[in-house]
Amino acid sequence: TEINDLLLTALALTVKEWTGETRVALNLEGHGREEILEGIDLTRTVGWFTSIYPVLFELKTDDLSTAIKEVKETLRRVPNKGVGYGLLQYLSEEKIDFRLQPEMSFNYLGQFGQEGADQEIASLPMGHQISPHNRAEMVLDVNGIVLNGRLHLHFNFNRMAYQSETIEHWANRYKYHLLLILSHCLQKEDVELTPSDFSAQEITFEELEEISDLIKEI
């Protein structure tokens, strides 16, 4: 289980609480610099290979363990961390109906500034990354980054769609769910595995639970 899994679980629970819906659609963004294809080294290549792709999370219960596992497994089922979605959308000659159009996006940039790291965030100003006249595609963008061991979250929203007070309340609820998840994880004495932790591709949650119960009885 990764930090991104927990951040997205808290986000999905917050949206579920906000809307009353058990299915939550989010646009996820990745920088694309991971080693998605074996043997490709990007360390000397400047820039990002941004991938943006929609993901539908389904939270059938409010149980935290189950919610974390559901979000984690949903993310692991995305092929190559979503890089193929943009290829299909913009380079495919076939007409594909992209019906899932989320209004909210999430991007976790990773961890920076750890002791002993050979890379760090530059202090030089970048200026405008996006034109102020550009139209925002999402009504709400959530961006997270860990700097020197501290999590920073940024909420950008369409002021024509939401009031500042609404987003402030929503951000506080997100913080509440995130702290609840962290407390839950810290209290766990045993590691709980999910199907993606094993090489068997077709194993289900139910089958894994049965195997775990059998092992406990031995």
N, C-alpha and C. Protein backbone atom coordinates (compact mmCIF):
# COMPACT_ATOMS: atom_id res chain seq x y z
N THR A 1 0.84 -1.19 0.00
CA THR A 1 0.00 0.00 0.00
C THR A 1 0.88 1.24 0.00
N GLU A 2 0.58 2.18 -0.89
CA GLU A 2 1.39 3.38 -1.05
C GLU A 2 0.66 4.61 -0.52
N ILE A 3 1.42 5.71 -0.37
CA ILE A 3 0.82 6.97 0.11
C ILE A 3 -0.32 7.39 -0.80
N ASN A 4 -0.12 7.24 -2.09
CA ASN A 4 -1.14 7.62 -3.06
C ASN A 4 -2.45 6.88 -2.81
N ASP A 5 -2.37 5.60 -2.42
CA ASP A 5 -3.57 4.81 -2.13
C ASP A 5 -4.37 5.42 -0.98
N LEU A 6 -3.66 5.84 0.06
CA LEU A 6 -4.33 6.39 1.24
C LEU A 6 -4.92 7.77 0.95
N LEU A 7 -4.18 8.59 0.21
CA LEU A 7 -4.68 9.92 -0.14
C LEU A 7 -5.94 9.82 -0.98
N LEU A 8 -5.95 8.88 -1.91
CA LEU A 8 -7.12 8.72 -2.77
C LEU A 8 -8.29 8.08 -2.03
N THR A 9 -8.01 7.22 -1.07
CA THR A 9 -9.09 6.65 -0.27
C THR A 9 -9.78 7.73 0.53
N ALA A 10 -8.99 8.62 1.15
CA ALA A 10 -9.57 9.74 1.90
C ALA A 10 -10.39 10.64 0.98
N LEU A 11 -9.88 10.87 -0.23
CA LEU A 11 -10.59 11.72 -1.19
C LEU A 11 -11.90 11.08 -1.62
N ALA A 12 -11.86 9.79 -1.92
CA ALA A 12 -13.07 9.08 -2.35
C ALA A 12 -14.12 9.06 -1.24
N LEU A 13 -13.69 8.85 0.00
CA LEU A 13 -14.62 8.85 1.13
C LEU A 13 -15.24 10.23 1.33
N THR A 14 -14.44 11.27 1.12
CA THR A 14 -14.94 12.64 1.27
C THR A 14 -15.98 12.96 0.20
N VAL A 15 -15.70 12.56 -1.03
CA VAL A 15 -16.65 12.79 -2.12
C VAL A 15 -17.92 11.98 -1.89
N LYS A 16 -17.77 10.74 -1.42
CA LYS A 16 -18.92 9.90 -1.12
C LYS A 16 -19.80 10.55 -0.05
N GLU A 17 -19.16 11.08 0.99
CA GLU A 17 -19.89 11.77 2.06
C GLU A 17 -20.59 13.01 1.53
N TRP A 18 -19.93 13.71 0.63
CA TRP A 18 -20.43 14.98 0.08
C TRP A 18 -21.62 14.76 -0.84
N THR A 19 -21.53 13.73 -1.69
CA THR A 19 -22.55 13.52 -2.72
C THR A 19 -23.57 12.45 -2.36
N GLY A 20 -23.20 11.56 -1.44
CA GLY A 20 -24.09 10.45 -1.12
C GLY A 20 -24.00 9.30 -2.11
N GLU A 21 -23.07 9.40 -3.07
CA GLU A 21 -22.91 8.36 -4.08
C GLU A 21 -21.78 7.40 -3.69
N THR A 22 -21.99 6.11 -3.97
CA THR A 22 -20.96 5.11 -3.66
C THR A 22 -19.93 4.98 -4.79
N ARG A 23 -20.24 5.51 -5.95
CA ARG A 23 -19.31 5.47 -7.09
C ARG A 23 -18.73 6.86 -7.30
N VAL A 24 -17.42 6.95 -7.30
CA VAL A 24 -16.72 8.23 -7.38
C VAL A 24 -15.80 8.23 -8.60
N ALA A 25 -16.01 9.17 -9.52
CA ALA A 25 -15.18 9.28 -10.72
C ALA A 25 -14.19 10.42 -10.55
N LEU A 26 -12.92 10.13 -10.77
CA LEU A 26 -11.86 11.13 -10.64
C LEU A 26 -10.93 11.06 -11.84
N ASN A 27 -10.42 12.21 -12.23
CA ASN A 27 -9.34 12.24 -13.21
C ASN A 27 -8.02 12.18 -12.44
N LEU A 28 -7.19 11.22 -12.75
CA LEU A 28 -5.90 11.09 -12.08
C LEU A 28 -4.80 11.56 -13.03
N GLU A 29 -3.81 12.19 -12.45
CA GLU A 29 -2.70 12.73 -13.24
C GLU A 29 -1.39 12.15 -12.73
N GLY A 30 -0.54 11.74 -13.65
CA GLY A 30 0.78 11.23 -13.30
C GLY A 30 1.84 11.89 -14.13
N HIS A 31 3.06 12.00 -13.58
CA HIS A 31 4.12 12.67 -14.32
C HIS A 31 4.76 11.78 -15.38
N GLY A 32 4.49 10.48 -15.33
CA GLY A 32 4.96 9.59 -16.37
C GLY A 32 6.44 9.30 -16.37
N ARG A 33 7.14 9.66 -15.31
CA ARG A 33 8.59 9.45 -15.28
C ARG A 33 8.97 8.15 -14.58
N GLU A 34 7.97 7.35 -14.18
CA GLU A 34 8.30 6.06 -13.61
C GLU A 34 8.80 5.12 -14.70
N GLU A 35 9.42 4.04 -14.26
CA GLU A 35 9.90 3.04 -15.22
C GLU A 35 8.73 2.14 -15.61
N ILE A 36 7.88 2.67 -16.47
CA ILE A 36 6.72 1.92 -16.92
C ILE A 36 7.13 0.82 -17.89
N LEU A 37 8.03 1.16 -18.81
CA LEU A 37 8.56 0.19 -19.77
C LEU A 37 9.98 -0.18 -19.36
N GLU A 38 10.24 -1.45 -19.25
CA GLU A 38 11.54 -1.94 -18.77
C GLU A 38 12.67 -1.49 -19.71
N GLY A 39 13.75 -1.00 -19.09
CA GLY A 39 14.93 -0.64 -19.86
C GLY A 39 14.96 0.79 -20.34
N ILE A 40 13.92 1.57 -20.08
CA ILE A 40 13.90 2.97 -20.50
C ILE A 40 14.35 3.85 -19.34
N ASP A 41 15.43 4.60 -19.52
CA ASP A 41 15.99 5.46 -18.48
C ASP A 41 15.69 6.92 -18.82
N LEU A 42 14.90 7.58 -17.96
CA LEU A 42 14.49 8.96 -18.21
C LEU A 42 15.26 9.98 -17.37
N THR A 43 16.28 9.54 -16.64
CA THR A 43 16.95 10.43 -15.70
C THR A 43 17.64 11.60 -16.39
N ARG A 44 18.02 11.46 -17.65
CA ARG A 44 18.70 12.54 -18.36
C ARG A 44 17.76 13.26 -19.33
N THR A 45 16.47 12.99 -19.20
CA THR A 45 15.47 13.63 -20.06
C THR A 45 14.73 14.68 -19.25
N VAL A 46 14.70 15.91 -19.76
CA VAL A 46 14.05 17.02 -19.06
C VAL A 46 12.55 17.01 -19.36
N GLY A 47 11.76 17.24 -18.32
CA GLY A 47 10.32 17.38 -18.53
C GLY A 47 9.53 16.17 -18.06
N TRP A 48 8.23 16.32 -18.12
CA TRP A 48 7.33 15.26 -17.69
C TRP A 48 6.61 14.66 -18.89
N PHE A 49 6.16 13.44 -18.73
CA PHE A 49 5.36 12.75 -19.74
C PHE A 49 3.96 12.55 -19.14
N THR A 50 3.31 13.66 -18.90
CA THR A 50 2.07 13.67 -18.13
C THR A 50 1.00 12.77 -18.73
N SER A 51 0.41 11.96 -17.87
CA SER A 51 -0.73 11.14 -18.27
C SER A 51 -1.93 11.54 -17.42
N ILE A 52 -3.06 11.76 -18.07
CA ILE A 52 -4.31 12.11 -17.40
C ILE A 52 -5.35 11.10 -17.84
N TYR A 53 -5.98 10.45 -16.87
CA TYR A 53 -6.92 9.38 -17.21
C TYR A 53 -8.01 9.28 -16.13
N PRO A 54 -9.23 8.92 -16.51
CA PRO A 54 -10.32 8.81 -15.55
C PRO A 54 -10.32 7.44 -14.87
N VAL A 55 -10.69 7.43 -13.60
CA VAL A 55 -10.80 6.18 -12.84
C VAL A 55 -12.11 6.23 -12.04
N LEU A 56 -12.83 5.14 -12.07
CA LEU A 56 -14.08 5.04 -11.32
C LEU A 56 -13.86 4.17 -10.09
N PHE A 57 -13.99 4.77 -8.91
CA PHE A 57 -13.87 4.04 -7.65
C PHE A 57 -15.26 3.71 -7.12
N GLU A 58 -15.40 2.51 -6.59
CA GLU A 58 -16.67 2.10 -6.01
C GLU A 58 -16.44 1.70 -4.56
N LEU A 59 -17.05 2.45 -3.66
CA LEU A 59 -16.92 2.20 -2.22
C LEU A 59 -18.24 1.61 -1.72
N LYS A 60 -18.26 0.31 -1.54
CA LYS A 60 -19.49 -0.37 -1.15
C LYS A 60 -19.76 -0.29 0.34
N THR A 61 -18.74 0.08 1.12
CA THR A 61 -18.88 0.14 2.57
C THR A 61 -18.04 1.28 3.13
N ASP A 62 -18.34 1.68 4.36
CA ASP A 62 -17.55 2.72 5.03
C ASP A 62 -16.41 2.13 5.85
N ASP A 63 -16.30 0.80 5.86
CA ASP A 63 -15.21 0.16 6.59
C ASP A 63 -13.87 0.58 5.99
N LEU A 64 -12.98 1.12 6.82
CA LEU A 64 -11.75 1.70 6.32
C LEU A 64 -10.83 0.68 5.65
N SER A 65 -10.69 -0.49 6.26
CA SER A 65 -9.83 -1.52 5.67
C SER A 65 -10.31 -1.89 4.27
N THR A 66 -11.62 -2.09 4.15
CA THR A 66 -12.19 -2.46 2.85
C THR A 66 -12.04 -1.33 1.85
N ALA A 67 -12.28 -0.10 2.29
CA ALA A 67 -12.18 1.06 1.39
C ALA A 67 -10.76 1.21 0.85
N ILE A 68 -9.76 1.07 1.72
CA ILE A 68 -8.36 1.18 1.29
C ILE A 68 -8.04 0.09 0.27
N LYS A 69 -8.48 -1.12 0.54
CA LYS A 69 -8.21 -2.23 -0.37
C LYS A 69 -8.90 -2.03 -1.72
N GLU A 70 -10.15 -1.54 -1.69
CA GLU A 70 -10.88 -1.33 -2.94
C GLU A 70 -10.19 -0.27 -3.81
N VAL A 71 -9.76 0.82 -3.18
CA VAL A 71 -9.08 1.88 -3.93
C VAL A 71 -7.74 1.37 -4.46
N LYS A 72 -7.00 0.67 -3.62
CA LYS A 72 -5.69 0.13 -4.03
C LYS A 72 -5.83 -0.79 -5.23
N GLU A 73 -6.78 -1.72 -5.17
CA GLU A 73 -6.95 -2.68 -6.25
C GLU A 73 -7.45 -2.01 -7.53
N THR A 74 -8.29 -1.00 -7.39
CA THR A 74 -8.76 -0.26 -8.56
C THR A 74 -7.59 0.40 -9.27
N LEU A 75 -6.68 1.00 -8.50
CA LEU A 75 -5.50 1.65 -9.08
C LEU A 75 -4.57 0.64 -9.74
N ARG A 76 -4.41 -0.54 -9.12
CA ARG A 76 -3.49 -1.53 -9.67
C ARG A 76 -4.01 -2.13 -10.98
N ARG A 77 -5.30 -2.02 -11.20
CA ARG A 77 -5.87 -2.57 -12.44
C ARG A 77 -5.72 -1.62 -13.63
N VAL A 78 -5.25 -0.40 -13.38
CA VAL A 78 -5.04 0.56 -14.48
C VAL A 78 -3.75 0.17 -15.21
N PRO A 79 -3.82 -0.16 -16.50
CA PRO A 79 -2.62 -0.60 -17.23
C PRO A 79 -1.59 0.52 -17.37
N ASN A 80 -0.35 0.22 -17.01
CA ASN A 80 0.78 1.15 -17.20
C ASN A 80 0.50 2.55 -16.64
N LYS A 81 -0.22 2.59 -15.53
CA LYS A 81 -0.52 3.85 -14.85
C LYS A 81 -1.20 4.88 -15.76
N GLY A 82 -2.00 4.39 -16.68
CA GLY A 82 -2.86 5.26 -17.47
C GLY A 82 -2.24 5.90 -18.69
N VAL A 83 -0.99 5.57 -19.03
CA VAL A 83 -0.36 6.25 -20.17
C VAL A 83 -1.05 5.93 -21.49
N GLY A 84 -1.70 4.77 -21.57
CA GLY A 84 -2.35 4.39 -22.81
C GLY A 84 -3.63 5.15 -23.10
N TYR A 85 -4.22 5.77 -22.07
CA TYR A 85 -5.49 6.48 -22.28
C TYR A 85 -5.32 7.66 -23.23
N GLY A 86 -4.27 8.44 -23.02
CA GLY A 86 -4.02 9.58 -23.90
C GLY A 86 -3.71 9.15 -25.32
N LEU A 87 -3.00 8.02 -25.45
CA LEU A 87 -2.69 7.51 -26.79
C LEU A 87 -3.97 7.13 -27.53
N LEU A 88 -4.89 6.48 -26.81
CA LEU A 88 -6.16 6.12 -27.43
C LEU A 88 -6.99 7.35 -27.77
N GLN A 89 -6.95 8.32 -26.86
CA GLN A 89 -7.79 9.50 -27.02
C GLN A 89 -7.33 10.40 -28.17
N TYR A 90 -6.02 10.55 -28.32
CA TYR A 90 -5.51 11.54 -29.27
C TYR A 90 -4.84 10.95 -30.52
N LEU A 91 -4.39 9.70 -30.44
CA LEU A 91 -3.64 9.14 -31.57
C LEU A 91 -4.37 8.02 -32.30
N SER A 92 -5.43 7.50 -31.69
CA SER A 92 -6.15 6.41 -32.33
C SER A 92 -6.98 6.91 -33.51
N GLU A 93 -6.96 6.17 -34.60
CA GLU A 93 -7.75 6.53 -35.77
C GLU A 93 -9.21 6.13 -35.61
N GLU A 94 -9.48 5.23 -34.67
CA GLU A 94 -10.85 4.81 -34.42
C GLU A 94 -11.57 5.85 -33.56
N LYS A 95 -12.87 5.98 -33.76
CA LYS A 95 -13.68 6.88 -32.95
C LYS A 95 -14.11 6.14 -31.68
N ILE A 96 -13.62 6.62 -30.56
CA ILE A 96 -13.91 6.00 -29.27
C ILE A 96 -14.75 6.95 -28.44
N ASP A 97 -15.81 6.41 -27.85
CA ASP A 97 -16.72 7.23 -27.05
C ASP A 97 -16.20 7.28 -25.61
N PHE A 98 -15.61 8.41 -25.23
CA PHE A 98 -15.10 8.58 -23.87
C PHE A 98 -16.20 9.21 -23.02
N ARG A 99 -17.06 8.37 -22.46
CA ARG A 99 -18.23 8.88 -21.74
C ARG A 99 -17.90 9.36 -20.33
N LEU A 100 -16.90 8.75 -19.72
CA LEU A 100 -16.58 9.11 -18.34
C LEU A 100 -15.81 10.42 -18.32
N GLN A 101 -16.46 11.49 -17.86
CA GLN A 101 -15.86 12.82 -17.84
C GLN A 101 -15.93 13.38 -16.41
N PRO A 102 -14.99 13.02 -15.54
CA PRO A 102 -15.01 13.51 -14.15
C PRO A 102 -14.86 15.03 -14.09
N GLU A 103 -15.38 15.62 -13.02
CA GLU A 103 -15.27 17.06 -12.81
C GLU A 103 -14.17 17.39 -11.80
N MET A 104 -13.56 16.35 -11.24
CA MET A 104 -12.53 16.55 -10.21
C MET A 104 -11.28 15.78 -10.58
N SER A 105 -10.12 16.38 -10.31
CA SER A 105 -8.86 15.69 -10.60
C SER A 105 -7.99 15.62 -9.35
N PHE A 106 -7.09 14.64 -9.35
CA PHE A 106 -6.16 14.45 -8.23
C PHE A 106 -4.79 14.13 -8.78
N ASN A 107 -3.78 14.74 -8.16
CA ASN A 107 -2.39 14.51 -8.59
C ASN A 107 -1.49 14.49 -7.36
N TYR A 108 -0.84 13.35 -7.13
CA TYR A 108 0.16 13.25 -6.05
C TYR A 108 1.53 13.28 -6.69
N LEU A 109 2.32 14.30 -6.35
CA LEU A 109 3.60 14.53 -7.00
C LEU A 109 4.74 13.69 -6.42
N GLY A 110 4.56 13.16 -5.20
CA GLY A 110 5.59 12.33 -4.61
C GLY A 110 6.27 13.00 -3.42
N GLN A 111 7.41 12.44 -3.01
CA GLN A 111 8.15 12.92 -1.84
C GLN A 111 9.46 13.56 -2.28
N PHE A 112 9.76 14.71 -1.68
CA PHE A 112 10.98 15.44 -2.01
C PHE A 112 11.61 15.99 -0.72
N GLY A 113 12.93 16.13 -0.76
CA GLY A 113 13.63 16.78 0.34
C GLY A 113 14.04 15.86 1.46
N GLN A 114 14.01 14.52 1.24
CA GLN A 114 14.45 13.62 2.30
C GLN A 114 15.96 13.72 2.47
N GLU A 115 16.40 13.45 3.69
CA GLU A 115 17.83 13.50 3.97
C GLU A 115 18.56 12.45 3.13
N GLY A 116 19.67 12.86 2.56
CA GLY A 116 20.47 11.94 1.78
C GLY A 116 20.03 11.82 0.34
N ALA A 117 18.93 12.49 -0.03
CA ALA A 117 18.46 12.39 -1.41
C ALA A 117 19.40 13.16 -2.33
N ASP A 118 19.58 12.66 -3.55
CA ASP A 118 20.49 13.32 -4.49
C ASP A 118 19.77 14.33 -5.37
N GLN A 119 18.47 14.56 -5.10
CA GLN A 119 17.70 15.55 -5.84
C GLN A 119 16.90 16.39 -4.86
N GLU A 120 16.61 17.62 -5.23
CA GLU A 120 15.80 18.49 -4.38
C GLU A 120 15.03 19.47 -5.25
N ILE A 121 14.01 20.08 -4.64
CA ILE A 121 13.19 21.05 -5.36
C ILE A 121 13.96 22.35 -5.55
N ALA A 122 14.02 22.84 -6.77
CA ALA A 122 14.71 24.11 -7.05
C ALA A 122 13.90 25.27 -6.48
N SER A 123 14.62 26.28 -5.96
CA SER A 123 13.96 27.45 -5.36
C SER A 123 13.68 28.55 -6.38
N LEU A 124 14.12 28.37 -7.61
CA LEU A 124 13.92 29.40 -8.64
C LEU A 124 12.44 29.52 -9.00
N PRO A 125 11.94 30.75 -9.15
CA PRO A 125 10.53 30.93 -9.53
C PRO A 125 10.28 30.41 -10.94
N MET A 126 9.12 29.77 -11.15
CA MET A 126 8.80 29.20 -12.45
C MET A 126 7.92 30.12 -13.29
N GLY A 127 7.33 31.14 -12.64
CA GLY A 127 6.39 31.97 -13.38
C GLY A 127 5.09 31.23 -13.60
N HIS A 128 4.27 31.74 -14.51
CA HIS A 128 2.99 31.10 -14.79
C HIS A 128 3.21 29.80 -15.56
N GLN A 129 2.67 28.71 -15.03
CA GLN A 129 2.74 27.44 -15.74
C GLN A 129 1.59 27.29 -16.72
N ILE A 130 0.49 27.98 -16.42
CA ILE A 130 -0.70 27.95 -17.27
C ILE A 130 -1.17 29.38 -17.47
N SER A 131 -1.59 29.72 -18.66
CA SER A 131 -2.07 31.07 -18.93
C SER A 131 -3.28 31.39 -18.05
N PRO A 132 -3.30 32.59 -17.44
CA PRO A 132 -4.46 32.99 -16.63
C PRO A 132 -5.76 33.02 -17.44
N HIS A 133 -5.63 33.11 -18.77
CA HIS A 133 -6.81 33.16 -19.63
C HIS A 133 -7.27 31.77 -20.07
N ASN A 134 -6.51 30.76 -19.68
CA ASN A 134 -6.88 29.40 -20.06
C ASN A 134 -8.09 28.93 -19.27
N ARG A 135 -8.99 28.20 -19.91
CA ARG A 135 -10.19 27.71 -19.23
C ARG A 135 -9.86 26.42 -18.49
N ALA A 136 -10.21 26.38 -17.20
CA ALA A 136 -9.96 25.19 -16.40
C ALA A 136 -10.89 24.05 -16.84
N GLU A 137 -10.32 22.87 -17.02
CA GLU A 137 -11.12 21.73 -17.43
C GLU A 137 -11.85 21.10 -16.25
N MET A 138 -11.28 21.20 -15.06
CA MET A 138 -11.88 20.62 -13.86
C MET A 138 -12.48 21.72 -12.98
N VAL A 139 -13.56 21.41 -12.30
CA VAL A 139 -14.12 22.38 -11.36
C VAL A 139 -13.37 22.32 -10.03
N LEU A 140 -12.66 21.21 -9.78
CA LEU A 140 -11.88 21.09 -8.55
C LEU A 140 -10.64 20.24 -8.81
N ASP A 141 -9.47 20.82 -8.53
CA ASP A 141 -8.19 20.12 -8.65
C ASP A 141 -7.58 19.96 -7.26
N VAL A 142 -7.16 18.75 -6.92
CA VAL A 142 -6.48 18.49 -5.66
C VAL A 142 -5.07 18.00 -5.98
N ASN A 143 -4.07 18.71 -5.45
CA ASN A 143 -2.67 18.35 -5.68
C ASN A 143 -1.97 18.14 -4.34
N GLY A 144 -1.23 17.05 -4.24
CA GLY A 144 -0.52 16.74 -3.01
C GLY A 144 0.96 16.51 -3.25
N ILE A 145 1.77 16.89 -2.28
CA ILE A 145 3.22 16.68 -2.36
C ILE A 145 3.77 16.59 -0.94
N VAL A 146 4.77 15.74 -0.73
CA VAL A 146 5.44 15.63 0.56
C VAL A 146 6.79 16.31 0.45
N LEU A 147 6.98 17.39 1.23
CA LEU A 147 8.23 18.14 1.25
C LEU A 147 8.85 18.05 2.64
N ASN A 148 10.07 17.53 2.70
CA ASN A 148 10.78 17.41 3.98
C ASN A 148 9.93 16.73 5.05
N GLY A 149 9.22 15.68 4.63
CA GLY A 149 8.45 14.89 5.58
C GLY A 149 7.08 15.44 5.92
N ARG A 150 6.67 16.53 5.29
CA ARG A 150 5.36 17.13 5.57
C ARG A 150 4.49 17.11 4.32
N LEU A 151 3.24 16.71 4.50
CA LEU A 151 2.30 16.64 3.38
C LEU A 151 1.67 18.01 3.14
N HIS A 152 1.73 18.46 1.90
CA HIS A 152 1.10 19.72 1.50
C HIS A 152 0.01 19.41 0.48
N LEU A 153 -1.18 19.93 0.72
CA LEU A 153 -2.31 19.74 -0.19
C LEU A 153 -2.78 21.08 -0.72
N HIS A 154 -3.02 21.15 -2.01
CA HIS A 154 -3.48 22.39 -2.64
C HIS A 154 -4.81 22.12 -3.35
N PHE A 155 -5.78 22.98 -3.08
CA PHE A 155 -7.11 22.84 -3.67
C PHE A 155 -7.37 24.03 -4.60
N ASN A 156 -7.48 23.76 -5.88
CA ASN A 156 -7.81 24.79 -6.86
C ASN A 156 -9.22 24.52 -7.38
N PHE A 157 -10.05 25.55 -7.40
CA PHE A 157 -11.45 25.32 -7.77
C PHE A 157 -12.00 26.44 -8.63
N ASN A 158 -13.06 26.13 -9.34
CA ASN A 158 -13.76 27.08 -10.19
C ASN A 158 -14.68 27.92 -9.31
N ARG A 159 -14.39 29.21 -9.21
CA ARG A 159 -15.17 30.09 -8.34
C ARG A 159 -16.57 30.35 -8.89
N MET A 160 -16.80 29.97 -10.13
CA MET A 160 -18.15 30.07 -10.68
C MET A 160 -19.01 28.88 -10.26
N ALA A 161 -18.34 27.83 -9.75
CA ALA A 161 -19.06 26.62 -9.36
C ALA A 161 -19.18 26.47 -7.84
N TYR A 162 -18.16 26.92 -7.11
CA TYR A 162 -18.15 26.75 -5.65
C TYR A 162 -17.72 28.03 -4.96
N GLN A 163 -18.22 28.21 -3.74
CA GLN A 163 -17.78 29.31 -2.89
C GLN A 163 -16.58 28.86 -2.07
N SER A 164 -15.77 29.81 -1.65
CA SER A 164 -14.57 29.50 -0.87
C SER A 164 -14.92 28.76 0.41
N GLU A 165 -16.03 29.15 1.05
CA GLU A 165 -16.44 28.51 2.30
C GLU A 165 -16.77 27.03 2.08
N THR A 166 -17.36 26.73 0.94
CA THR A 166 -17.70 25.33 0.63
C THR A 166 -16.45 24.48 0.50
N ILE A 167 -15.47 24.99 -0.23
CA ILE A 167 -14.23 24.24 -0.44
C ILE A 167 -13.44 24.13 0.86
N GLU A 168 -13.47 25.18 1.67
CA GLU A 168 -12.77 25.13 2.96
C GLU A 168 -13.37 24.04 3.85
N HIS A 169 -14.70 23.98 3.89
CA HIS A 169 -15.37 22.93 4.67
C HIS A 169 -15.04 21.55 4.10
N TRP A 170 -15.06 21.44 2.78
CA TRP A 170 -14.78 20.17 2.13
C TRP A 170 -13.33 19.73 2.40
N ALA A 171 -12.39 20.68 2.37
CA ALA A 171 -10.98 20.36 2.64
C ALA A 171 -10.80 19.88 4.08
N ASN A 172 -11.55 20.47 5.00
CA ASN A 172 -11.48 20.03 6.40
C ASN A 172 -12.02 18.61 6.56
N ARG A 173 -13.06 18.27 5.80
CA ARG A 173 -13.59 16.91 5.84
C ARG A 173 -12.58 15.92 5.23
N TYR A 174 -11.89 16.37 4.21
CA TYR A 174 -10.85 15.52 3.62
C TYR A 174 -9.75 15.26 4.64
N LYS A 175 -9.34 16.31 5.36
CA LYS A 175 -8.33 16.16 6.40
C LYS A 175 -8.82 15.19 7.48
N TYR A 176 -10.09 15.30 7.84
CA TYR A 176 -10.67 14.40 8.85
C TYR A 176 -10.56 12.94 8.40
N HIS A 177 -10.97 12.66 7.17
CA HIS A 177 -10.93 11.29 6.67
C HIS A 177 -9.49 10.78 6.55
N LEU A 178 -8.58 11.65 6.16
CA LEU A 178 -7.18 11.25 6.02
C LEU A 178 -6.57 10.90 7.38
N LEU A 179 -6.83 11.72 8.39
CA LEU A 179 -6.32 11.44 9.73
C LEU A 179 -6.94 10.16 10.29
N LEU A 180 -8.21 9.93 9.96
CA LEU A 180 -8.89 8.71 10.39
C LEU A 180 -8.21 7.48 9.79
N ILE A 181 -7.86 7.57 8.52
CA ILE A 181 -7.19 6.47 7.84
C ILE A 181 -5.80 6.24 8.41
N LEU A 182 -5.05 7.31 8.66
CA LEU A 182 -3.70 7.18 9.22
C LEU A 182 -3.74 6.54 10.60
N SER A 183 -4.70 6.97 11.42
CA SER A 183 -4.85 6.39 12.75
C SER A 183 -5.20 4.90 12.65
N HIS A 184 -6.07 4.58 11.72
CA HIS A 184 -6.46 3.18 11.50
C HIS A 184 -5.25 2.33 11.12
N CYS A 185 -4.43 2.83 10.21
CA CYS A 185 -3.26 2.08 9.74
C CYS A 185 -2.21 1.92 10.84
N LEU A 186 -2.01 2.96 11.64
CA LEU A 186 -1.01 2.90 12.71
C LEU A 186 -1.40 1.92 13.80
N GLN A 187 -2.70 1.69 13.97
CA GLN A 187 -3.17 0.77 15.00
C GLN A 187 -3.14 -0.69 14.55
N LYS A 188 -2.92 -0.90 13.25
CA LYS A 188 -2.89 -2.26 12.72
C LYS A 188 -1.59 -2.95 13.12
N GLU A 189 -1.72 -4.14 13.71
CA GLU A 189 -0.54 -4.90 14.11
C GLU A 189 -0.07 -5.84 13.00
N ASP A 190 -1.01 -6.29 12.17
CA ASP A 190 -0.67 -7.23 11.10
C ASP A 190 -0.84 -6.57 9.74
N VAL A 191 -0.04 -7.02 8.79
CA VAL A 191 -0.14 -6.53 7.41
C VAL A 191 -1.30 -7.24 6.72
N GLU A 192 -2.18 -6.47 6.08
CA GLU A 192 -3.30 -7.04 5.35
C GLU A 192 -2.99 -6.97 3.85
N LEU A 193 -2.89 -8.12 3.23
CA LEU A 193 -2.53 -8.20 1.82
C LEU A 193 -3.76 -8.16 0.92
N THR A 194 -3.56 -7.77 -0.32
CA THR A 194 -4.63 -7.71 -1.31
C THR A 194 -4.19 -8.50 -2.54
N PRO A 195 -5.11 -8.82 -3.45
CA PRO A 195 -4.76 -9.64 -4.62
C PRO A 195 -3.56 -9.14 -5.42
N SER A 196 -3.39 -7.83 -5.53
CA SER A 196 -2.28 -7.30 -6.34
C SER A 196 -0.92 -7.53 -5.69
N ASP A 197 -0.89 -7.96 -4.43
CA ASP A 197 0.37 -8.27 -3.76
C ASP A 197 0.91 -9.65 -4.16
N PHE A 198 0.12 -10.40 -4.94
CA PHE A 198 0.51 -11.74 -5.34
C PHE A 198 0.62 -11.83 -6.86
N SER A 199 1.37 -12.82 -7.32
CA SER A 199 1.58 -12.98 -8.76
C SER A 199 0.37 -13.60 -9.45
N ALA A 200 -0.50 -14.27 -8.70
CA ALA A 200 -1.70 -14.88 -9.29
C ALA A 200 -2.65 -13.77 -9.72
N GLN A 201 -2.86 -13.64 -11.02
CA GLN A 201 -3.61 -12.51 -11.56
C GLN A 201 -5.11 -12.62 -11.30
N GLU A 202 -5.64 -13.83 -11.19
CA GLU A 202 -7.10 -14.00 -11.15
C GLU A 202 -7.65 -14.15 -9.73
N ILE A 203 -6.83 -14.05 -8.71
CA ILE A 203 -7.31 -14.23 -7.35
C ILE A 203 -8.22 -13.07 -6.96
N THR A 204 -9.30 -13.37 -6.24
CA THR A 204 -10.26 -12.35 -5.83
C THR A 204 -10.11 -12.04 -4.35
N PHE A 205 -10.80 -10.96 -3.91
CA PHE A 205 -10.81 -10.60 -2.50
C PHE A 205 -11.31 -11.77 -1.66
N GLU A 206 -12.43 -12.36 -2.12
CA GLU A 206 -13.07 -13.43 -1.36
C GLU A 206 -12.15 -14.64 -1.22
N GLU A 207 -11.49 -15.01 -2.32
CA GLU A 207 -10.58 -16.15 -2.28
C GLU A 207 -9.39 -15.87 -1.36
N LEU A 208 -8.90 -14.65 -1.39
CA LEU A 208 -7.77 -14.28 -0.53
C LEU A 208 -8.17 -14.32 0.93
N GLU A 209 -9.39 -13.88 1.24
CA GLU A 209 -9.89 -13.92 2.62
C GLU A 209 -10.00 -15.37 3.10
N GLU A 210 -10.48 -16.26 2.22
CA GLU A 210 -10.60 -17.66 2.59
C GLU A 210 -9.23 -18.28 2.87
N ILE A 211 -8.25 -17.94 2.04
CA ILE A 211 -6.89 -18.45 2.24
C ILE A 211 -6.32 -17.93 3.56
N SER A 212 -6.55 -16.64 3.84
CA SER A 212 -6.05 -16.05 5.09
C SER A 212 -6.67 -16.72 6.30
N ASP A 213 -7.98 -17.01 6.23
CA ASP A 213 -8.66 -17.68 7.34
C ASP A 213 -8.11 -19.09 7.56
N LEU A 214 -7.81 -19.79 6.46
CA LEU A 214 -7.25 -21.14 6.58
C LEU A 214 -5.87 -21.11 7.23
N ILE A 215 -5.07 -20.11 6.85
CA ILE A 215 -3.72 -19.99 7.42
C ILE A 215 -3.79 -19.72 8.92
N LYS A 216 -4.77 -18.88 9.32
CA LYS A 216 -4.91 -18.55 10.74
C LYS A 216 -5.27 -19.78 11.57
N GLU A 217 -5.97 -20.73 10.94
CA GLU A 217 -6.41 -21.93 11.66
C GLU A 217 -5.30 -22.96 11.81
N ILE A 218 -4.23 -22.81 11.01
CA ILE A 218 -3.13 -23.78 11.07
C ILE A 218 -2.31 -23.60 12.36
